[in-house]
Amino acid sequence: MKVNRRNRLIDYKSIVFMDYQKIAHEYFTANEIAELKYKMTLIFRDFLKYKMWKYELHQNLDNSCMALGERVCLNLSFVIAIQKIETVKLSLPEENILDYLDAELRQGVSESLFYRELISATIANKQ
């Protein structure tokens, strides 16, 4: 059991550039990683609902050959999935993270209940 968990500050730069696999292997056990990947798959699929061919291409959640928009969606999926396991402090950027997404991805993410819950929780934590 990995117990050296710390609060992580997630900002827009880390949502764009982070390597979720490295973070997961550093902080979580194999069973927790399997659970995270299952949750991430559901969230990622929801985000990419208007680009299902992209989901099919990346359903293994390997971020090594993804375009920027898909990587942002995958990292957002990770941040949302770890909310149940890890304390994560989110620093929402002044610039909108959705600006990194094309029209179809932006629509999929903005319509997602997962994303709306994340935004609501972040706003509530700031008050």
N, C-alpha and C. Protein backbone atom coordinates (compact mmCIF):
# COMPACT_ATOMS: atom_id res chain seq x y z
N MET A 1 0.85 -1.19 0.00
CA MET A 1 0.00 0.00 0.00
C MET A 1 0.88 1.24 0.00
N LYS A 2 0.65 2.13 -0.91
CA LYS A 2 1.43 3.35 -1.00
C LYS A 2 0.77 4.40 -0.12
N VAL A 3 1.50 4.89 0.85
CA VAL A 3 0.90 5.80 1.83
C VAL A 3 1.45 7.21 1.78
N ASN A 4 2.48 7.47 1.01
CA ASN A 4 3.07 8.80 0.96
C ASN A 4 2.32 9.70 -0.01
N ARG A 5 1.05 9.80 0.18
CA ARG A 5 0.23 10.64 -0.69
C ARG A 5 0.28 12.06 -0.18
N ARG A 6 0.32 12.98 -1.10
CA ARG A 6 0.32 14.39 -0.76
C ARG A 6 -0.80 15.06 -1.53
N ASN A 7 -1.21 16.18 -0.98
CA ASN A 7 -2.13 16.99 -1.76
C ASN A 7 -1.40 17.46 -3.00
N ARG A 8 -2.02 17.38 -4.12
CA ARG A 8 -1.40 17.80 -5.37
C ARG A 8 -2.12 19.04 -5.89
N LEU A 9 -1.34 19.98 -6.30
CA LEU A 9 -1.91 21.17 -6.91
C LEU A 9 -1.97 20.95 -8.41
N ILE A 10 -3.15 20.97 -8.94
CA ILE A 10 -3.35 20.75 -10.38
C ILE A 10 -3.76 22.09 -10.98
N ASP A 11 -2.97 22.60 -11.89
CA ASP A 11 -3.33 23.83 -12.58
C ASP A 11 -3.42 23.53 -14.08
N TYR A 12 -3.64 24.56 -14.87
CA TYR A 12 -3.87 24.30 -16.29
C TYR A 12 -2.63 23.73 -16.96
N LYS A 13 -1.43 24.13 -16.52
CA LYS A 13 -0.22 23.60 -17.15
C LYS A 13 -0.11 22.10 -16.90
N SER A 14 -0.43 21.67 -15.69
CA SER A 14 -0.32 20.24 -15.43
C SER A 14 -1.45 19.46 -16.11
N ILE A 15 -2.59 20.07 -16.29
CA ILE A 15 -3.67 19.38 -17.01
C ILE A 15 -3.27 19.18 -18.46
N VAL A 16 -2.55 20.12 -19.02
CA VAL A 16 -2.12 20.00 -20.41
C VAL A 16 -0.94 19.05 -20.54
N PHE A 17 0.04 19.16 -19.65
CA PHE A 17 1.31 18.47 -19.85
C PHE A 17 1.58 17.28 -18.93
N MET A 18 0.75 17.03 -17.93
CA MET A 18 1.08 15.98 -16.97
C MET A 18 1.04 14.59 -17.59
N ASP A 19 1.81 13.71 -16.99
CA ASP A 19 1.83 12.30 -17.38
C ASP A 19 1.08 11.54 -16.28
N TYR A 20 -0.21 11.32 -16.50
CA TYR A 20 -1.02 10.70 -15.45
C TYR A 20 -0.49 9.33 -15.05
N GLN A 21 0.10 8.61 -15.99
CA GLN A 21 0.59 7.25 -15.70
C GLN A 21 1.71 7.30 -14.68
N LYS A 22 2.60 8.26 -14.82
CA LYS A 22 3.71 8.41 -13.87
C LYS A 22 3.17 8.74 -12.47
N ILE A 23 2.23 9.66 -12.40
CA ILE A 23 1.64 10.04 -11.12
C ILE A 23 0.92 8.85 -10.50
N ALA A 24 0.16 8.13 -11.30
CA ALA A 24 -0.59 6.98 -10.79
C ALA A 24 0.35 5.92 -10.22
N HIS A 25 1.42 5.61 -10.93
CA HIS A 25 2.34 4.58 -10.46
C HIS A 25 3.12 5.03 -9.23
N GLU A 26 3.29 6.33 -9.08
CA GLU A 26 4.01 6.87 -7.93
C GLU A 26 3.17 6.82 -6.65
N TYR A 27 1.87 7.04 -6.77
CA TYR A 27 1.03 7.22 -5.59
C TYR A 27 0.02 6.11 -5.32
N PHE A 28 -0.24 5.24 -6.29
CA PHE A 28 -1.33 4.29 -6.12
C PHE A 28 -0.85 2.86 -6.28
N THR A 29 -1.57 1.96 -5.64
CA THR A 29 -1.29 0.53 -5.77
C THR A 29 -1.84 0.03 -7.11
N ALA A 30 -1.47 -1.18 -7.47
CA ALA A 30 -1.94 -1.75 -8.74
C ALA A 30 -3.47 -1.85 -8.78
N ASN A 31 -4.08 -2.23 -7.66
CA ASN A 31 -5.55 -2.33 -7.63
C ASN A 31 -6.20 -0.96 -7.77
N GLU A 32 -5.62 0.04 -7.13
CA GLU A 32 -6.17 1.40 -7.25
C GLU A 32 -6.00 1.92 -8.68
N ILE A 33 -4.89 1.60 -9.30
CA ILE A 33 -4.67 2.02 -10.69
C ILE A 33 -5.70 1.37 -11.61
N ALA A 34 -5.99 0.10 -11.39
CA ALA A 34 -7.00 -0.58 -12.21
C ALA A 34 -8.36 0.09 -12.03
N GLU A 35 -8.71 0.45 -10.79
CA GLU A 35 -9.97 1.14 -10.53
C GLU A 35 -9.98 2.52 -11.18
N LEU A 36 -8.87 3.23 -11.08
CA LEU A 36 -8.76 4.55 -11.71
C LEU A 36 -8.94 4.46 -13.22
N LYS A 37 -8.28 3.49 -13.83
CA LYS A 37 -8.38 3.36 -15.29
C LYS A 37 -9.81 3.04 -15.72
N TYR A 38 -10.50 2.24 -14.93
CA TYR A 38 -11.90 1.95 -15.26
C TYR A 38 -12.72 3.24 -15.22
N LYS A 39 -12.56 4.02 -14.15
CA LYS A 39 -13.30 5.28 -14.03
C LYS A 39 -12.89 6.25 -15.13
N MET A 40 -11.58 6.30 -15.40
CA MET A 40 -11.10 7.20 -16.45
C MET A 40 -11.68 6.84 -17.81
N THR A 41 -11.81 5.55 -18.08
CA THR A 41 -12.37 5.10 -19.35
C THR A 41 -13.79 5.61 -19.52
N LEU A 42 -14.59 5.52 -18.48
CA LEU A 42 -15.97 6.01 -18.55
C LEU A 42 -16.02 7.52 -18.79
N ILE A 43 -15.18 8.25 -18.08
CA ILE A 43 -15.16 9.71 -18.19
C ILE A 43 -14.62 10.13 -19.56
N PHE A 44 -13.51 9.51 -19.97
CA PHE A 44 -12.88 9.83 -21.25
C PHE A 44 -13.85 9.57 -22.40
N ARG A 45 -14.57 8.46 -22.33
CA ARG A 45 -15.55 8.14 -23.37
C ARG A 45 -16.65 9.19 -23.41
N ASP A 46 -17.08 9.66 -22.24
CA ASP A 46 -18.10 10.70 -22.17
C ASP A 46 -17.59 11.99 -22.80
N PHE A 47 -16.35 12.35 -22.52
CA PHE A 47 -15.77 13.56 -23.09
C PHE A 47 -15.66 13.48 -24.62
N LEU A 48 -15.34 12.31 -25.13
CA LEU A 48 -15.12 12.15 -26.57
C LEU A 48 -16.36 11.63 -27.30
N LYS A 49 -17.53 11.85 -26.75
CA LYS A 49 -18.74 11.28 -27.34
C LYS A 49 -19.03 11.80 -28.75
N TYR A 50 -18.52 12.97 -29.10
CA TYR A 50 -18.72 13.48 -30.46
C TYR A 50 -17.56 13.12 -31.38
N LYS A 51 -16.59 12.40 -30.86
CA LYS A 51 -15.46 11.92 -31.66
C LYS A 51 -15.17 10.48 -31.26
N MET A 52 -16.15 9.62 -31.44
CA MET A 52 -15.99 8.24 -30.99
C MET A 52 -14.82 7.54 -31.68
N TRP A 53 -14.51 7.91 -32.89
CA TRP A 53 -13.37 7.29 -33.57
C TRP A 53 -12.07 7.62 -32.83
N LYS A 54 -12.00 8.80 -32.20
CA LYS A 54 -10.83 9.14 -31.39
C LYS A 54 -10.80 8.29 -30.13
N TYR A 55 -11.96 8.08 -29.53
CA TYR A 55 -12.02 7.22 -28.35
C TYR A 55 -11.54 5.81 -28.70
N GLU A 56 -12.03 5.28 -29.80
CA GLU A 56 -11.63 3.94 -30.23
C GLU A 56 -10.12 3.86 -30.44
N LEU A 57 -9.54 4.92 -30.95
CA LEU A 57 -8.11 4.98 -31.19
C LEU A 57 -7.31 5.01 -29.89
N HIS A 58 -7.86 5.65 -28.85
CA HIS A 58 -7.14 5.86 -27.59
C HIS A 58 -7.77 5.15 -26.40
N GLN A 59 -8.59 4.15 -26.62
CA GLN A 59 -9.30 3.52 -25.51
C GLN A 59 -8.37 2.82 -24.53
N ASN A 60 -7.13 2.58 -24.90
CA ASN A 60 -6.17 1.98 -23.96
C ASN A 60 -5.60 3.04 -23.02
N LEU A 61 -5.97 4.29 -23.19
CA LEU A 61 -5.57 5.43 -22.36
C LEU A 61 -4.07 5.70 -22.39
N ASP A 62 -3.43 5.32 -23.48
CA ASP A 62 -2.01 5.60 -23.66
C ASP A 62 -1.87 7.00 -24.24
N ASN A 63 -1.22 7.88 -23.50
CA ASN A 63 -1.15 9.28 -23.92
C ASN A 63 0.07 9.60 -24.77
N SER A 64 0.81 8.60 -25.19
CA SER A 64 2.05 8.86 -25.91
C SER A 64 1.85 9.39 -27.33
N CYS A 65 0.73 9.13 -27.94
CA CYS A 65 0.53 9.60 -29.33
C CYS A 65 -0.82 10.31 -29.48
N MET A 66 -1.15 11.15 -28.53
CA MET A 66 -2.41 11.88 -28.58
C MET A 66 -2.21 13.32 -29.00
N ALA A 67 -3.19 13.85 -29.65
CA ALA A 67 -3.21 15.28 -29.94
C ALA A 67 -3.47 16.02 -28.63
N LEU A 68 -3.20 17.31 -28.63
CA LEU A 68 -3.32 18.11 -27.41
C LEU A 68 -4.72 18.03 -26.79
N GLY A 69 -5.75 18.14 -27.61
CA GLY A 69 -7.12 18.11 -27.09
C GLY A 69 -7.46 16.80 -26.41
N GLU A 70 -7.06 15.69 -27.01
CA GLU A 70 -7.32 14.39 -26.39
C GLU A 70 -6.52 14.23 -25.10
N ARG A 71 -5.29 14.74 -25.08
CA ARG A 71 -4.46 14.67 -23.87
C ARG A 71 -5.10 15.46 -22.72
N VAL A 72 -5.62 16.64 -23.05
CA VAL A 72 -6.31 17.44 -22.03
C VAL A 72 -7.52 16.67 -21.49
N CYS A 73 -8.29 16.07 -22.39
CA CYS A 73 -9.46 15.28 -21.96
C CYS A 73 -9.04 14.10 -21.09
N LEU A 74 -7.96 13.43 -21.46
CA LEU A 74 -7.48 12.29 -20.68
C LEU A 74 -7.01 12.73 -19.30
N ASN A 75 -6.26 13.83 -19.24
CA ASN A 75 -5.78 14.30 -17.94
C ASN A 75 -6.92 14.82 -17.07
N LEU A 76 -7.92 15.45 -17.67
CA LEU A 76 -9.12 15.83 -16.91
C LEU A 76 -9.83 14.59 -16.38
N SER A 77 -9.87 13.55 -17.19
CA SER A 77 -10.48 12.29 -16.75
C SER A 77 -9.75 11.75 -15.52
N PHE A 78 -8.43 11.82 -15.54
CA PHE A 78 -7.63 11.37 -14.41
C PHE A 78 -7.93 12.19 -13.16
N VAL A 79 -7.95 13.50 -13.30
CA VAL A 79 -8.20 14.38 -12.15
C VAL A 79 -9.57 14.10 -11.56
N ILE A 80 -10.56 13.91 -12.40
CA ILE A 80 -11.91 13.62 -11.91
C ILE A 80 -11.95 12.25 -11.23
N ALA A 81 -11.30 11.26 -11.82
CA ALA A 81 -11.32 9.90 -11.27
C ALA A 81 -10.63 9.82 -9.91
N ILE A 82 -9.56 10.59 -9.70
CA ILE A 82 -8.85 10.49 -8.42
C ILE A 82 -9.54 11.24 -7.29
N GLN A 83 -10.56 12.00 -7.61
CA GLN A 83 -11.27 12.74 -6.56
C GLN A 83 -11.80 11.83 -5.45
N LYS A 84 -12.12 10.60 -5.79
CA LYS A 84 -12.66 9.67 -4.80
C LYS A 84 -11.58 9.05 -3.92
N ILE A 85 -10.33 9.09 -4.39
CA ILE A 85 -9.24 8.41 -3.68
C ILE A 85 -8.27 9.39 -3.04
N GLU A 86 -7.96 10.45 -3.73
CA GLU A 86 -6.87 11.35 -3.37
C GLU A 86 -7.41 12.76 -3.18
N THR A 87 -6.82 13.49 -2.25
CA THR A 87 -7.16 14.88 -2.09
C THR A 87 -6.40 15.67 -3.15
N VAL A 88 -7.12 16.33 -4.00
CA VAL A 88 -6.51 17.09 -5.08
C VAL A 88 -6.99 18.52 -4.97
N LYS A 89 -6.07 19.44 -4.90
CA LYS A 89 -6.43 20.85 -4.91
C LYS A 89 -6.33 21.33 -6.34
N LEU A 90 -7.41 21.90 -6.81
CA LEU A 90 -7.42 22.40 -8.18
C LEU A 90 -7.27 23.90 -8.19
N SER A 91 -6.41 24.36 -9.02
CA SER A 91 -6.25 25.79 -9.26
C SER A 91 -6.74 26.03 -10.67
N LEU A 92 -7.97 26.47 -10.78
CA LEU A 92 -8.50 26.69 -12.12
C LEU A 92 -7.77 27.86 -12.77
N PRO A 93 -7.37 27.67 -13.98
CA PRO A 93 -6.62 28.72 -14.66
C PRO A 93 -7.50 29.92 -14.99
N GLU A 94 -6.84 31.06 -15.10
CA GLU A 94 -7.59 32.23 -15.55
C GLU A 94 -8.03 32.04 -16.99
N GLU A 95 -7.18 31.35 -17.75
CA GLU A 95 -7.61 31.02 -19.10
C GLU A 95 -8.42 29.73 -19.04
N ASN A 96 -9.33 29.61 -19.92
CA ASN A 96 -10.25 28.47 -19.92
C ASN A 96 -9.57 27.24 -20.49
N ILE A 97 -9.58 26.15 -19.75
CA ILE A 97 -8.95 24.91 -20.21
C ILE A 97 -9.64 24.39 -21.47
N LEU A 98 -10.90 24.73 -21.65
CA LEU A 98 -11.63 24.29 -22.84
C LEU A 98 -11.13 24.96 -24.11
N ASP A 99 -10.36 26.04 -23.97
CA ASP A 99 -9.80 26.70 -25.15
C ASP A 99 -8.79 25.81 -25.87
N TYR A 100 -8.28 24.79 -25.20
CA TYR A 100 -7.33 23.87 -25.82
C TYR A 100 -8.02 22.80 -26.67
N LEU A 101 -9.34 22.79 -26.64
CA LEU A 101 -10.11 21.74 -27.30
C LEU A 101 -10.76 22.25 -28.57
N ASP A 102 -10.92 21.35 -29.54
CA ASP A 102 -11.67 21.73 -30.73
C ASP A 102 -13.16 21.72 -30.40
N ALA A 103 -13.97 22.10 -31.36
CA ALA A 103 -15.40 22.29 -31.12
C ALA A 103 -16.09 21.03 -30.59
N GLU A 104 -15.80 19.87 -31.19
CA GLU A 104 -16.47 18.64 -30.76
C GLU A 104 -16.04 18.22 -29.36
N LEU A 105 -14.75 18.31 -29.07
CA LEU A 105 -14.28 17.95 -27.72
C LEU A 105 -14.82 18.93 -26.69
N ARG A 106 -14.81 20.23 -27.02
CA ARG A 106 -15.32 21.24 -26.10
C ARG A 106 -16.79 20.98 -25.77
N GLN A 107 -17.57 20.63 -26.79
CA GLN A 107 -18.98 20.34 -26.57
C GLN A 107 -19.14 19.10 -25.68
N GLY A 108 -18.37 18.06 -25.96
CA GLY A 108 -18.46 16.84 -25.16
C GLY A 108 -18.09 17.07 -23.71
N VAL A 109 -17.01 17.81 -23.47
CA VAL A 109 -16.57 18.07 -22.10
C VAL A 109 -17.56 18.99 -21.39
N SER A 110 -17.96 20.07 -22.03
CA SER A 110 -18.85 21.03 -21.37
C SER A 110 -20.23 20.44 -21.06
N GLU A 111 -20.67 19.45 -21.83
CA GLU A 111 -21.95 18.79 -21.57
C GLU A 111 -21.84 17.69 -20.52
N SER A 112 -20.64 17.28 -20.20
CA SER A 112 -20.43 16.15 -19.29
C SER A 112 -20.78 16.50 -17.85
N LEU A 113 -21.55 15.63 -17.23
CA LEU A 113 -21.85 15.82 -15.81
C LEU A 113 -20.59 15.69 -14.95
N PHE A 114 -19.65 14.86 -15.38
CA PHE A 114 -18.39 14.72 -14.66
C PHE A 114 -17.67 16.06 -14.58
N TYR A 115 -17.60 16.76 -15.69
CA TYR A 115 -16.92 18.05 -15.74
C TYR A 115 -17.69 19.10 -14.93
N ARG A 116 -18.99 19.09 -15.04
CA ARG A 116 -19.80 20.06 -14.29
C ARG A 116 -19.64 19.86 -12.78
N GLU A 117 -19.58 18.61 -12.34
CA GLU A 117 -19.36 18.33 -10.92
C GLU A 117 -17.98 18.83 -10.47
N LEU A 118 -16.98 18.64 -11.32
CA LEU A 118 -15.63 19.11 -11.00
C LEU A 118 -15.61 20.62 -10.86
N ILE A 119 -16.23 21.33 -11.78
CA ILE A 119 -16.28 22.79 -11.72
C ILE A 119 -17.04 23.25 -10.49
N SER A 120 -18.17 22.62 -10.19
CA SER A 120 -18.97 22.98 -9.02
C SER A 120 -18.18 22.77 -7.72
N ALA A 121 -17.49 21.66 -7.63
CA ALA A 121 -16.70 21.36 -6.43
C ALA A 121 -15.55 22.34 -6.28
N THR A 122 -14.94 22.71 -7.38
CA THR A 122 -13.83 23.65 -7.34
C THR A 122 -14.30 25.03 -6.91
N ILE A 123 -15.42 25.47 -7.43
CA ILE A 123 -15.98 26.77 -7.04
C ILE A 123 -16.36 26.75 -5.56
N ALA A 124 -16.97 25.68 -5.10
CA ALA A 124 -17.36 25.56 -3.69
C ALA A 124 -16.13 25.59 -2.78
N ASN A 125 -15.03 24.99 -3.19
CA ASN A 125 -13.82 24.97 -2.38
C ASN A 125 -13.18 26.34 -2.28
N LYS A 126 -13.40 27.20 -3.26
CA LYS A 126 -12.82 28.53 -3.25
C LYS A 126 -13.58 29.48 -2.32
N GLN A 127 -14.83 29.14 -2.00
CA GLN A 127 -15.64 30.04 -1.17
C GLN A 127 -15.40 29.81 0.29
